[in-house]
PDB file of N, CA and C in Angstrom:
ATOM      1  N   MET A   1       0.796  -1.175   0.000  1.00  0.00           N
ATOM      2  CA  MET A   1       0.000   0.000   0.000  1.00  0.00           C
ATOM      3  C   MET A   1       0.856   1.263   0.000  1.00  0.00           C
ATOM      4  N   THR A   2       1.959   1.136   0.561  1.00  0.00           N
ATOM      5  CA  THR A   2       2.863   2.256   0.601  1.00  0.00           C
ATOM      6  C   THR A   2       3.290   2.641  -0.799  1.00  0.00           C
ATOM      7  N   SER A   3       3.515   1.644  -1.610  1.00  0.00           N
ATOM      8  CA  SER A   3       3.930   1.953  -2.978  1.00  0.00           C
ATOM      9  C   SER A   3       2.798   2.636  -3.741  1.00  0.00           C
ATOM     10  N   GLN A   4       1.565   2.245  -3.428  1.00  0.00           N
ATOM     11  CA  GLN A   4       0.421   2.883  -4.080  1.00  0.00           C
ATOM     12  C   GLN A   4       0.288   4.324  -3.611  1.00  0.00           C
ATOM     13  N   SER A   5       0.426   4.561  -2.303  1.00  0.00           N
ATOM     14  CA  SER A   5       0.296   5.911  -1.804  1.00  0.00           C
ATOM     15  C   SER A   5       1.472   6.752  -2.273  1.00  0.00           C
ATOM     16  N   GLN A   6       2.650   6.083  -2.416  1.00  0.00           N
ATOM     17  CA  GLN A   6       3.799   6.804  -2.966  1.00  0.00           C
ATOM     18  C   GLN A   6       3.541   7.178  -4.426  1.00  0.00           C
ATOM     19  N   GLY A   7       2.943   6.309  -5.174  1.00  0.00           N
ATOM     20  CA  GLY A   7       2.603   6.576  -6.573  1.00  0.00           C
ATOM     21  C   GLY A   7       1.579   7.695  -6.679  1.00  0.00           C
ATOM     22  N   ILE A   8       0.607   7.670  -5.760  1.00  0.00           N
ATOM     23  CA  ILE A   8      -0.417   8.704  -5.748  1.00  0.00           C
ATOM     24  C   ILE A   8       0.224  10.048  -5.402  1.00  0.00           C
ATOM     25  N   GLN A   9       1.132  10.027  -4.420  1.00  0.00           N
ATOM     26  CA  GLN A   9       1.841  11.247  -4.040  1.00  0.00           C
ATOM     27  C   GLN A   9       2.634  11.797  -5.214  1.00  0.00           C
ATOM     28  N   GLN A  10       3.290  10.908  -5.933  1.00  0.00           N
ATOM     29  CA  GLN A  10       4.067  11.344  -7.103  1.00  0.00           C
ATOM     30  C   GLN A  10       3.151  11.945  -8.162  1.00  0.00           C
ATOM     31  N   LEU A  11       1.996  11.310  -8.368  1.00  0.00           N
ATOM     32  CA  LEU A  11       1.020  11.828  -9.337  1.00  0.00           C
ATOM     33  C   LEU A  11       0.507  13.197  -8.896  1.00  0.00           C
ATOM     34  N   LEU A  12       0.210  13.364  -7.607  1.00  0.00           N
ATOM     35  CA  LEU A  12      -0.268  14.637  -7.105  1.00  0.00           C
ATOM     36  C   LEU A  12       0.801  15.723  -7.244  1.00  0.00           C
ATOM     37  N   GLN A  13       2.064  15.333  -6.946  1.00  0.00           N
ATOM     38  CA  GLN A  13       3.166  16.285  -7.083  1.00  0.00           C
ATOM     39  C   GLN A  13       3.367  16.662  -8.554  1.00  0.00           C
ATOM     40  N   ALA A  14       3.268  15.672  -9.435  1.00  0.00           N
ATOM     41  CA  ALA A  14       3.421  15.930 -10.872  1.00  0.00           C
ATOM     42  C   ALA A  14       2.285  16.835 -11.345  1.00  0.00           C
ATOM     43  N   GLU A  15       1.086  16.569 -10.842  1.00  0.00           N
ATOM     44  CA  GLU A  15      -0.065  17.402 -11.209  1.00  0.00           C
ATOM     45  C   GLU A  15       0.135  18.831 -10.705  1.00  0.00           C
ATOM     46  N   LYS A  16       0.656  18.979  -9.485  1.00  0.00           N
ATOM     47  CA  LYS A  16       0.903  20.303  -8.924  1.00  0.00           C
ATOM     48  C   LYS A  16       1.969  21.040  -9.735  1.00  0.00           C
ATOM     49  N   ARG A  17       3.047  20.323 -10.102  1.00  0.00           N
ATOM     50  CA  ARG A  17       4.099  20.937 -10.926  1.00  0.00           C
ATOM     51  C   ARG A  17       3.548  21.355 -12.287  1.00  0.00           C
ATOM     52  N   ALA A  18       2.719  20.533 -12.870  1.00  0.00           N
ATOM     53  CA  ALA A  18       2.109  20.850 -14.158  1.00  0.00           C
ATOM     54  C   ALA A  18       1.217  22.084 -14.031  1.00  0.00           C
ATOM     55  N   LYS A  19       0.443  22.129 -12.932  1.00  0.00           N
ATOM     56  CA  LYS A  19      -0.435  23.272 -12.708  1.00  0.00           C
ATOM     57  C   LYS A  19       0.400  24.541 -12.514  1.00  0.00           C
ATOM     58  N   ASP A  20       1.504  24.447 -11.748  1.00  0.00           N
ATOM     59  CA  ASP A  20       2.395  25.594 -11.543  1.00  0.00           C
ATOM     60  C   ASP A  20       2.986  26.066 -12.867  1.00  0.00           C
ATOM     61  N   LYS A  21       3.440  25.082 -13.678  1.00  0.00           N
ATOM     62  CA  LYS A  21       4.004  25.447 -14.989  1.00  0.00           C
ATOM     63  C   LYS A  21       2.941  26.106 -15.864  1.00  0.00           C
ATOM     64  N   LEU A  22       1.723  25.603 -15.805  1.00  0.00           N
ATOM     65  CA  LEU A  22       0.629  26.175 -16.588  1.00  0.00           C
ATOM     66  C   LEU A  22       0.326  27.594 -16.120  1.00  0.00           C
ATOM     67  N   ASP A  23       0.278  27.795 -14.794  1.00  0.00           N
ATOM     68  CA  ASP A  23       0.039  29.141 -14.265  1.00  0.00           C
ATOM     69  C   ASP A  23       1.158  30.097 -14.678  1.00  0.00           C
ATOM     70  N   GLU A  24       2.381  29.608 -14.601  1.00  0.00           N
ATOM     71  CA  GLU A  24       3.527  30.430 -14.995  1.00  0.00           C
ATOM     72  C   GLU A  24       3.467  30.776 -16.477  1.00  0.00           C
ATOM     73  N   ALA A  25       3.062  29.817 -17.292  1.00  0.00           N
ATOM     74  CA  ALA A  25       2.940  30.061 -18.726  1.00  0.00           C
ATOM     75  C   ALA A  25       1.842  31.098 -19.001  1.00  0.00           C
ATOM     76  N   LYS A  26       0.728  31.006 -18.257  1.00  0.00           N
ATOM     77  CA  LYS A  26      -0.357  31.984 -18.416  1.00  0.00           C
ATOM     78  C   LYS A  26       0.113  33.376 -18.030  1.00  0.00           C
ATOM     79  N   LYS A  27       0.892  33.461 -16.936  1.00  0.00           N
ATOM     80  CA  LYS A  27       1.426  34.755 -16.516  1.00  0.00           C
ATOM     81  C   LYS A  27       2.361  35.326 -17.583  1.00  0.00           C
ATOM     82  N   ARG A  28       3.236  34.474 -18.138  1.00  0.00           N
ATOM     83  CA  ARG A  28       4.156  34.936 -19.193  1.00  0.00           C
ATOM     84  C   ARG A  28       3.370  35.399 -20.424  1.00  0.00           C
ATOM     85  N   LYS A  29       2.330  34.646 -20.744  1.00  0.00           N
ATOM     86  CA  LYS A  29       1.498  35.009 -21.899  1.00  0.00           C
ATOM     87  C   LYS A  29       0.821  36.361 -21.657  1.00  0.00           C
ATOM     88  N   GLY A  30       0.250  36.558 -20.460  1.00  0.00           N
ATOM     89  CA  GLY A  30      -0.402  37.831 -20.127  1.00  0.00           C
ATOM     90  C   GLY A  30       0.601  38.978 -20.155  1.00  0.00           C
ATOM     91  N   LYS A  31       1.798  38.709 -19.600  1.00  0.00           N
ATOM     92  CA  LYS A  31       2.848  39.740 -19.604  1.00  0.00           C
ATOM     93  C   LYS A  31       3.253  40.081 -21.032  1.00  0.00           C
ATOM     94  N   ARG A  32       3.413  39.077 -21.861  1.00  0.00           N
ATOM     95  CA  ARG A  32       3.801  39.304 -23.269  1.00  0.00           C
ATOM     96  C   ARG A  32       2.699  40.055 -24.021  1.00  0.00           C
ATOM     97  N   LEU A  33       1.438  39.738 -23.744  1.00  0.00           N
ATOM     98  CA  LEU A  33       0.332  40.448 -24.396  1.00  0.00           C
ATOM     99  C   LEU A  33       0.313  41.923 -23.991  1.00  0.00           C
ATOM    100  N   ARG A  34       0.526  42.201 -22.682  1.00  0.00           N
ATOM    101  CA  ARG A  34       0.588  43.592 -22.235  1.00  0.00           C
ATOM    102  C   ARG A  34       1.750  44.325 -22.901  1.00  0.00           C
ATOM    103  N   GLN A  35       2.887  43.627 -22.976  1.00  0.00           N
ATOM    104  CA  GLN A  35       4.065  44.233 -23.601  1.00  0.00           C
ATOM    105  C   GLN A  35       3.801  44.512 -25.083  1.00  0.00           C
ATOM    106  N   ALA A  36       3.170  43.564 -25.763  1.00  0.00           N
ATOM    107  CA  ALA A  36       2.856  43.751 -27.184  1.00  0.00           C
ATOM    108  C   ALA A  36       1.885  44.912 -27.366  1.00  0.00           C
ATOM    109  N   LYS A  37       0.905  45.020 -26.452  1.00  0.00           N
ATOM    110  CA  LYS A  37      -0.054  46.116 -26.526  1.00  0.00           C
ATOM    111  C   LYS A  37       0.656  47.453 -26.327  1.00  0.00           C
ATOM    112  N   GLU A  38       1.555  47.532 -25.340  1.00  0.00           N
ATOM    113  CA  GLU A  38       2.307  48.757 -25.097  1.00  0.00           C
ATOM    114  C   GLU A  38       3.168  49.124 -26.301  1.00  0.00           C
ATOM    115  N   GLU A  39       3.802  48.122 -26.907  1.00  0.00           N
ATOM    116  CA  GLU A  39       4.618  48.374 -28.094  1.00  0.00           C
ATOM    117  C   GLU A  39       3.758  48.884 -29.241  1.00  0.00           C
ATOM    118  N   ALA A  40       2.569  48.290 -29.396  1.00  0.00           N
ATOM    119  CA  ALA A  40       1.666  48.722 -30.471  1.00  0.00           C
ATOM    120  C   ALA A  40       1.198  50.157 -30.242  1.00  0.00           C
ATOM    121  N   VAL A  41       0.874  50.485 -28.994  1.00  0.00           N
ATOM    122  CA  VAL A  41       0.442  51.849 -28.677  1.00  0.00           C
ATOM    123  C   VAL A  41       1.574  52.828 -28.945  1.00  0.00           C
ATOM    124  N   ALA A  42       2.798  52.471 -28.523  1.00  0.00           N
ATOM    125  CA  ALA A  42       3.947  53.344 -28.752  1.00  0.00           C
ATOM    126  C   ALA A  42       4.193  53.540 -30.252  1.00  0.00           C
ATOM    127  N   GLU A  43       4.098  52.456 -31.011  1.00  0.00           N
ATOM    128  CA  GLU A  43       4.308  52.537 -32.456  1.00  0.00           C
ATOM    129  C   GLU A  43       3.223  53.390 -33.117  1.00  0.00           C
ATOM    130  N   THR A  44       1.981  53.213 -32.656  1.00  0.00           N
ATOM    131  CA  THR A  44       0.870  54.000 -33.191  1.00  0.00           C
ATOM    132  C   THR A  44       1.064  55.482 -32.879  1.00  0.00           C
ATOM    133  N   ASP A  45       1.461  55.776 -31.640  1.00  0.00           N
ATOM    134  CA  ASP A  45       1.702  57.174 -31.263  1.00  0.00           C
ATOM    135  C   ASP A  45       2.816  57.789 -32.099  1.00  0.00           C
ATOM    136  N   GLN A  46       3.874  57.025 -32.320  1.00  0.00           N
ATOM    137  CA  GLN A  46       4.993  57.524 -33.128  1.00  0.00           C
ATOM    138  C   GLN A  46       4.536  57.792 -34.559  1.00  0.00           C
ATOM    139  N   TYR A  47       3.755  56.874 -35.126  1.00  0.00           N
ATOM    140  CA  TYR A  47       3.241  57.049 -36.487  1.00  0.00           C
ATOM    141  C   TYR A  47       2.327  58.267 -36.560  1.00  0.00           C
ATOM    142  N   ARG A  48       1.444  58.426 -35.548  1.00  0.00           N
ATOM    143  CA  ARG A  48       0.528  59.563 -35.516  1.00  0.00           C
ATOM    144  C   ARG A  48       1.303  60.879 -35.448  1.00  0.00           C
ATOM    145  N   MET A  49       2.331  60.918 -34.616  1.00  0.00           N
ATOM    146  CA  MET A  49       3.132  62.137 -34.503  1.00  0.00           C
ATOM    147  C   MET A  49       3.820  62.459 -35.827  1.00  0.00           C
ATOM    148  N   GLN A  50       4.333  61.434 -36.512  1.00  0.00           N
ATOM    149  CA  GLN A  50       4.984  61.652 -37.801  1.00  0.00           C
ATOM    150  C   GLN A  50       3.990  62.177 -38.832  1.00  0.00           C
ATOM    151  N   MET A  51       2.787  61.587 -38.862  1.00  0.00           N
ATOM    152  CA  MET A  51       1.772  62.031 -39.813  1.00  0.00           C
ATOM    153  C   MET A  51       1.320  63.457 -39.503  1.00  0.00           C
ATOM    154  N   GLU A  52       1.167  63.800 -38.219  1.00  0.00           N
ATOM    155  CA  GLU A  52       0.786  65.164 -37.853  1.00  0.00           C
ATOM    156  C   GLU A  52       1.875  66.153 -38.245  1.00  0.00           C
ATOM    157  N   LYS A  53       3.123  65.754 -38.083  1.00  0.00           N
ATOM    158  CA  LYS A  53       4.247  66.615 -38.472  1.00  0.00           C
ATOM    159  C   LYS A  53       4.224  66.853 -39.980  1.00  0.00           C
ATOM    160  N   ASP A  54       4.023  65.772 -40.754  1.00  0.00           N
ATOM    161  CA  ASP A  54       3.941  65.907 -42.218  1.00  0.00           C
ATOM    162  C   ASP A  54       2.763  66.790 -42.608  1.00  0.00           C
ATOM    163  N   PHE A  55       1.624  66.600 -41.929  1.00  0.00           N
ATOM    164  CA  PHE A  55       0.432  67.400 -42.221  1.00  0.00           C
ATOM    165  C   PHE A  55       0.694  68.875 -41.956  1.00  0.00           C
ATOM    166  N   ARG A  56       1.292  69.175 -40.790  1.00  0.00           N
ATOM    167  CA  ARG A  56       1.582  70.578 -40.469  1.00  0.00           C
ATOM    168  C   ARG A  56       2.546  71.182 -41.484  1.00  0.00           C
ATOM    169  N   LEU A  57       3.515  70.399 -41.936  1.00  0.00           N
ATOM    170  CA  LEU A  57       4.467  70.892 -42.930  1.00  0.00           C
ATOM    171  C   LEU A  57       3.755  71.217 -44.245  1.00  0.00           C
ATOM    172  N   LYS A  58       2.917  70.294 -44.708  1.00  0.00           N
ATOM    173  CA  LYS A  58       2.166  70.531 -45.949  1.00  0.00           C
ATOM    174  C   LYS A  58       1.210  71.709 -45.783  1.00  0.00           C
ATOM    175  N   GLN A  59       0.563  71.780 -44.619  1.00  0.00           N
ATOM    176  CA  GLN A  59      -0.371  72.868 -44.359  1.00  0.00           C
ATOM    177  C   GLN A  59       0.348  74.216 -44.365  1.00  0.00           C
ATOM    178  N   SER A  60       1.517  74.263 -43.757  1.00  0.00           N
ATOM    179  CA  SER A  60       2.254  75.530 -43.739  1.00  0.00           C
ATOM    180  C   SER A  60       2.721  75.906 -45.141  1.00  0.00           C
ATOM    181  N   LYS A  61       3.075  74.901 -45.962  1.00  0.00           N
ATOM    182  CA  LYS A  61       3.448  75.198 -47.355  1.00  0.00           C
ATOM    183  C   LYS A  61       2.264  75.796 -48.102  1.00  0.00           C
ATOM    184  N   ILE A  62       1.112  75.165 -47.961  1.00  0.00           N
ATOM    185  CA  ILE A  62      -0.084  75.625 -48.678  1.00  0.00           C
ATOM    186  C   ILE A  62      -0.526  76.984 -48.150  1.00  0.00           C
ATOM    187  N   MET A  63      -0.610  77.124 -46.839  1.00  0.00           N
ATOM    188  CA  MET A  63      -1.052  78.389 -46.267  1.00  0.00           C
ATOM    189  C   MET A  63      -0.029  79.488 -46.554  1.00  0.00           C
ATOM    190  N   GLY A  64       1.241  79.119 -46.566  1.00  0.00           N
ATOM    191  CA  GLY A  64       2.264  80.102 -46.890  1.00  0.00           C
ATOM    192  C   GLY A  64       2.097  80.606 -48.306  1.00  0.00           C
ATOM    193  N   SER A  65       1.850  79.691 -49.239  1.00  0.00           N
ATOM    194  CA  SER A  65       1.680  80.109 -50.628  1.00  0.00           C
ATOM    195  C   SER A  65       0.382  80.894 -50.788  1.00  0.00           C
ATOM    196  N   GLN A  66      -0.650  80.561 -50.017  1.00  0.00           N
ATOM    197  CA  GLN A  66      -1.893  81.313 -50.098  1.00  0.00           C
ATOM    198  C   GLN A  66      -1.699  82.725 -49.565  1.00  0.00           C
ATOM    199  N   SER A  67      -0.954  82.856 -48.484  1.00  0.00           N
ATOM    200  CA  SER A  67      -0.724  84.202 -47.959  1.00  0.00           C
ATOM    201  C   SER A  67       0.138  84.993 -48.936  1.00  0.00           C
ATOM    202  N   HIS A  68       1.068  84.314 -49.601  1.00  0.00           N
ATOM    203  CA  HIS A  68       1.889  84.978 -50.614  1.00  0.00           C
ATOM    204  C   HIS A  68       1.004  85.462 -51.758  1.00  0.00           C
ATOM    205  N   LEU A  69       0.065  84.627 -52.185  1.00  0.00           N
ATOM    206  CA  LEU A  69      -0.853  85.023 -53.253  1.00  0.00           C
ATOM    207  C   LEU A  69      -1.719  86.194 -52.820  1.00  0.00           C
ATOM    208  N   SER A  70      -2.216  86.168 -51.602  1.00  0.00           N
ATOM    209  CA  SER A  70      -3.062  87.271 -51.147  1.00  0.00           C
ATOM    210  C   SER A  70      -2.252  88.569 -51.046  1.00  0.00           C
ATOM    211  N   ASP A  71      -0.976  88.465 -50.631  1.00  0.00           N
ATOM    212  CA  ASP A  71      -0.122  89.658 -50.602  1.00  0.00           C
ATOM    213  C   ASP A  71       0.082  90.207 -52.015  1.00  0.00           C
ATOM    214  N   GLU A  72       0.288  89.302 -52.962  1.00  0.00           N
ATOM    215  CA  GLU A  72       0.490  89.707 -54.355  1.00  0.00           C
ATOM    216  C   GLU A  72      -0.765  90.370 -54.918  1.00  0.00           C
ATOM    217  N   ILE A  73      -1.922  89.808 -54.623  1.00  0.00           N
ATOM    218  CA  ILE A  73      -3.192  90.377 -55.095  1.00  0.00           C
ATOM    219  C   ILE A  73      -3.417  91.746 -54.463  1.00  0.00           C
ATOM    220  N   GLU A  74      -3.122  91.860 -53.176  1.00  0.00           N
ATOM    221  CA  GLU A  74      -3.260  93.149 -52.488  1.00  0.00           C
ATOM    222  C   GLU A  74      -2.369  94.202 -53.139  1.00  0.00           C
ATOM    223  N   GLU A  75      -1.148  93.821 -53.462  1.00  0.00           N
ATOM    224  CA  GLU A  75      -0.203  94.747 -54.097  1.00  0.00           C
ATOM    225  C   GLU A  75      -0.708  95.187 -55.469  1.00  0.00           C
ATOM    226  N   GLN A  76      -1.218  94.231 -56.254  1.00  0.00           N
ATOM    227  CA  GLN A  76      -1.744  94.562 -57.583  1.00  0.00           C
ATOM    228  C   GLN A  76      -2.964  95.489 -57.463  1.00  0.00           C
ATOM    229  N   THR A  77      -3.802  95.246 -56.469  1.00  0.00           N
ATOM    230  CA  THR A  77      -4.988  96.078 -56.268  1.00  0.00           C
ATOM    231  C   THR A  77      -4.594  97.515 -55.940  1.00  0.00           C
ATOM    232  N   LEU A  78      -3.649  97.674 -55.038  1.00  0.00           N
ATOM    233  CA  LEU A  78      -3.199  99.023 -54.680  1.00  0.00           C
ATOM    234  C   LEU A  78      -2.582  99.729 -55.878  1.00  0.00           C
ATOM    235  N   GLU A  79      -1.834  98.979 -56.683  1.00  0.00           N
ATOM    236  CA  GLU A  79      -1.220  99.554 -57.887  1.00  0.00           C
ATOM    237  C   GLU A  79      -2.296 100.022 -58.867  1.00  0.00           C
ATOM    238  N   LYS A  80      -3.344  99.215 -59.046  1.00  0.00           N
ATOM    239  CA  LYS A  80      -4.434  99.560 -59.960  1.00  0.00           C
ATOM    240  C   LYS A  80      -5.190 100.790 -59.440  1.00  0.00           C
ATOM    241  N   ILE A  81      -5.400 100.876 -58.135  1.00  0.00           N
ATOM    242  CA  ILE A  81      -6.084 102.035 -57.550  1.00  0.00           C
ATOM    243  C   ILE A  81      -5.280 103.307 -57.798  1.00  0.00           C
ATOM    244  N   LYS A  82      -3.970 103.232 -57.608  1.00  0.00           N
ATOM    245  CA  LYS A  82      -3.108 104.392 -57.867  1.00  0.00           C
ATOM    246  C   LYS A  82      -3.200 104.806 -59.337  1.00  0.00           C
ATOM    247  N   GLU A  83      -3.188 103.823 -60.221  1.00  0.00           N
ATOM    248  CA  GLU A  83      -3.266 104.103 -61.665  1.00  0.00           C
ATOM    249  C   GLU A  83      -4.589 104.785 -62.008  1.00  0.00           C
ATOM    250  N   LEU A  84      -5.703 104.275 -61.448  1.00  0.00           N
ATOM    251  CA  LEU A  84      -7.012 104.860 -61.724  1.00  0.00           C
ATOM    252  C   LEU A  84      -7.128 106.270 -61.142  1.00  0.00           C
ATOM    253  N   ASN A  85      -6.594 106.488 -59.942  1.00  0.00           N
ATOM    254  CA  ASN A  85      -6.613 107.832 -59.359  1.00  0.00           C
ATOM    255  C   ASN A  85      -5.806 108.813 -60.210  1.00  0.00           C
ATOM    256  N   GLY A  86      -4.666 108.371 -60.717  1.00  0.00           N
ATOM    257  CA  GLY A  86      -3.854 109.223 -61.595  1.00  0.00           C
ATOM    258  C   GLY A  86      -4.594 109.569 -62.869  1.00  0.00           C
ATOM    259  N   SER A  87      -5.241 108.581 -63.457  1.00  0.00           N
ATOM    260  CA  SER A  87      -6.011 108.803 -64.678  1.00  0.00           C
ATOM    261  C   SER A  87      -7.174 109.753 -64.400  1.00  0.00           C
ATOM    262  N   TYR A  88      -7.840 109.600 -63.278  1.00  0.00           N
ATOM    263  CA  TYR A  88      -8.956 110.469 -62.896  1.00  0.00           C
ATOM    264  C   TYR A  88      -8.472 111.911 -62.761  1.00  0.00           C
ATOM    265  N   ASN A  89      -7.391 112.105 -62.011  1.00  0.00           N
ATOM    266  CA  ASN A  89      -6.870 113.461 -61.807  1.00  0.00           C
ATOM    267  C   ASN A  89      -6.416 114.096 -63.122  1.00  0.00           C
ATOM    268  N   LYS A  90      -5.888 113.299 -64.004  1.00  0.00           N
ATOM    269  CA  LYS A  90      -5.371 113.791 -65.287  1.00  0.00           C
ATOM    270  C   LYS A  90      -6.516 114.229 -66.214  1.00  0.00           C
ATOM    271  N   CYS A  91      -7.587 113.452 -66.244  1.00  0.00           N
ATOM    272  CA  CYS A  91      -8.659 113.708 -67.214  1.00  0.00           C
ATOM    273  C   CYS A  91      -9.861 114.454 -66.636  1.00  0.00           C
ATOM    274  N   MET A  92      -9.892 114.663 -65.336  1.00  0.00           N
ATOM    275  CA  MET A  92     -11.069 115.234 -64.691  1.00  0.00           C
ATOM    276  C   MET A  92     -11.429 116.603 -65.264  1.00  0.00           C
ATOM    277  N   GLU A  93     -10.495 117.491 -65.395  1.00  0.00           N
ATOM    278  CA  GLU A  93     -10.775 118.851 -65.828  1.00  0.00           C
ATOM    279  C   GLU A  93     -11.312 118.892 -67.258  1.00  0.00           C
ATOM    280  N   SER A  94     -10.701 118.127 -68.154  1.00  0.00           N
ATOM    281  CA  SER A  94     -11.167 118.134 -69.544  1.00  0.00           C
ATOM    282  C   SER A  94     -12.560 117.526 -69.661  1.00  0.00           C
ATOM    283  N   VAL A  95     -12.875 116.513 -68.867  1.00  0.00           N
ATOM    284  CA  VAL A  95     -14.206 115.893 -68.911  1.00  0.00           C
ATOM    285  C   VAL A  95     -15.252 116.867 -68.383  1.00  0.00           C
ATOM    286  N   ILE A  96     -14.945 117.594 -67.327  1.00  0.00           N
ATOM    287  CA  ILE A  96     -15.903 118.566 -66.784  1.00  0.00           C
ATOM    288  C   ILE A  96     -16.157 119.677 -67.792  1.00  0.00           C
ATOM    289  N   LYS A  97     -15.113 120.164 -68.459  1.00  0.00           N
ATOM    290  CA  LYS A  97     -15.288 121.204 -69.491  1.00  0.00           C
ATOM    291  C   LYS A  97     -16.161 120.687 -70.621  1.00  0.00           C
ATOM    292  N   GLN A  98     -15.929 119.449 -71.011  1.00  0.00           N
ATOM    293  CA  GLN A  98     -16.709 118.860 -72.100  1.00  0.00           C
ATOM    294  C   GLN A  98     -18.180 118.741 -71.696  1.00  0.00           C
ATOM    295  N   LEU A  99     -18.459 118.310 -70.483  1.00  0.00           N
ATOM    296  CA  LEU A  99     -19.837 118.198 -70.009  1.00  0.00           C
ATOM    297  C   LEU A  99     -20.521 119.560 -69.935  1.00  0.00           C
ATOM    298  N   LEU A 100     -19.822 120.545 -69.398  1.00  0.00           N
ATOM    299  CA  LEU A 100     -20.394 121.888 -69.295  1.00  0.00           C
ATOM    300  C   LEU A 100     -20.671 122.482 -70.671  1.00  0.00           C
ATOM    301  N   SER A 101     -19.779 122.260 -71.605  1.00  0.00           N
ATOM    302  CA  SER A 101     -20.007 122.797 -72.946  1.00  0.00           C
ATOM    303  C   SER A 101     -21.210 122.130 -73.598  1.00  0.00           C
ATOM    304  N   MET A 102     -21.422 120.858 -73.367  1.00  0.00           N
ATOM    305  CA  MET A 102     -22.581 120.171 -73.942  1.00  0.00           C
ATOM    306  C   MET A 102     -23.881 120.680 -73.323  1.00  0.00           C
ATOM    307  N   VAL A 103     -23.864 120.955 -72.029  1.00  0.00           N
ATOM    308  CA  VAL A 103     -25.080 121.395 -71.345  1.00  0.00           C
ATOM    309  C   VAL A 103     -25.372 122.862 -71.635  1.00  0.00           C
ATOM    310  N   CYS A 104     -24.361 123.700 -71.646  1.00  0.00           N
ATOM    311  CA  CYS A 104     -24.570 125.146 -71.776  1.00  0.00           C
ATOM    312  C   CYS A 104     -24.712 125.600 -73.224  1.00  0.00           C
ATOM    313  N   ASP A 105     -24.082 124.974 -74.146  1.00  0.00           N
ATOM    314  CA  ASP A 105     -24.117 125.405 -75.551  1.00  0.00           C
ATOM    315  C   ASP A 105     -25.182 124.626 -76.313  1.00  0.00           C
ATOM    316  N   MET A 106     -26.450 124.876 -75.972  1.00  0.00           N
ATOM    317  CA  MET A 106     -27.535 124.180 -76.662  1.00  0.00           C
ATOM    318  C   MET A 106     -27.980 124.979 -77.869  1.00  0.00           C
ATOM    319  N   LYS A 107     -28.247 124.290 -78.918  1.00  0.00           N
ATOM    320  CA  LYS A 107     -28.747 124.911 -80.141  1.00  0.00           C
ATOM    321  C   LYS A 107     -30.156 124.369 -80.373  1.00  0.00           C
ATOM    322  N   PRO A 108     -31.150 125.203 -80.170  1.00  0.00           N
ATOM    323  CA  PRO A 108     -32.516 124.725 -80.353  1.00  0.00           C
ATOM    324  C   PRO A 108     -32.819 124.478 -81.832  1.00  0.00           C
ATOM    325  N   GLU A 109     -33.350 123.317 -82.117  1.00  0.00           N
ATOM    326  CA  GLU A 109     -33.714 122.938 -83.485  1.00  0.00           C
ATOM    327  C   GLU A 109     -35.016 122.166 -83.431  1.00  0.00           C
ATOM    328  N   VAL A 110     -35.729 122.205 -84.515  1.00  0.00           N
ATOM    329  CA  VAL A 110     -36.951 121.424 -84.606  1.00  0.00           C
ATOM    330  C   VAL A 110     -36.538 120.013 -84.987  1.00  0.00           C
ATOM    331  N   HIS A 111     -37.151 119.090 -84.322  1.00  0.00           N
ATOM    332  CA  HIS A 111     -36.809 117.692 -84.578  1.00  0.00           C
ATOM    333  C   HIS A 111     -37.250 117.306 -85.975  1.00  0.00           C
ATOM    334  N   VAL A 112     -36.498 116.405 -86.600  1.00  0.00           N
ATOM    335  CA  VAL A 112     -36.785 116.013 -87.976  1.00  0.00           C
ATOM    336  C   VAL A 112     -38.122 115.324 -88.133  1.00  0.00           C
ATOM    337  N   ASN A 113     -38.633 114.718 -87.119  1.00  0.00           N
ATOM    338  CA  ASN A 113     -39.910 113.997 -87.198  1.00  0.00           C
ATOM    339  C   ASN A 113     -41.109 114.867 -86.829  1.00  0.00           C
ATOM    340  N   TYR A 114     -40.871 116.123 -86.545  1.00  0.00           N
ATOM    341  CA  TYR A 114     -41.974 117.006 -86.172  1.00  0.00           C
ATOM    342  C   TYR A 114     -42.768 117.404 -87.397  1.00  0.00           C
ATOM    343  N   ARG A 115     -44.113 117.312 -87.290  1.00  0.00           N
ATOM    344  CA  ARG A 115     -44.998 117.708 -88.382  1.00  0.00           C
ATOM    345  C   ARG A 115     -45.979 118.756 -87.858  1.00  0.00           C
ATOM    346  N   ALA A 116     -46.057 119.767 -88.569  1.00  0.00           N
ATOM    347  CA  ALA A 116     -47.016 120.798 -88.172  1.00  0.00           C
ATOM    348  C   ALA A 116     -48.397 120.376 -88.668  1.00  0.00           C
ATOM    349  N   THR A 117     -49.391 120.401 -87.844  1.00  0.00           N
ATOM    350  CA  THR A 117     -50.750 120.023 -88.222  1.00  0.00           C
ATOM    351  C   THR A 117     -51.654 121.253 -88.122  1.00  0.00           C
ATOM    352  N   ASN A 118     -52.208 121.654 -89.216  1.00  0.00           N
ATOM    353  CA  ASN A 118     -53.126 122.795 -89.283  1.00  0.00           C
ATOM    354  C   ASN A 118     -54.408 122.419 -89.908  1.00  0.00           C
TER     355      ASN A 118
END
């Protein structure tokens, strides 16, 4: 009977060792999964930061060129305004004289389509 109880003890000890190894393997697996998750999060964050950096760079290029275009348009507008003001000042007096002469120097005439009815 001793040999049987010794065999049972060995089986129980083997079962306990197997259970311990299984628990240890589960712990290692859980630890590895957490580590893999942390690595994935870190990699994702790094990728996101790189993409945001690229986006900001492209955005600054586009916005920079847009501000350059708006500055150029503003400059052209001011130049055109100066040109029109110069033209106005240059021609204003002659146009006013021409208008006054047309209004003041009227020559009354009978219209060609007028018919006298008697």
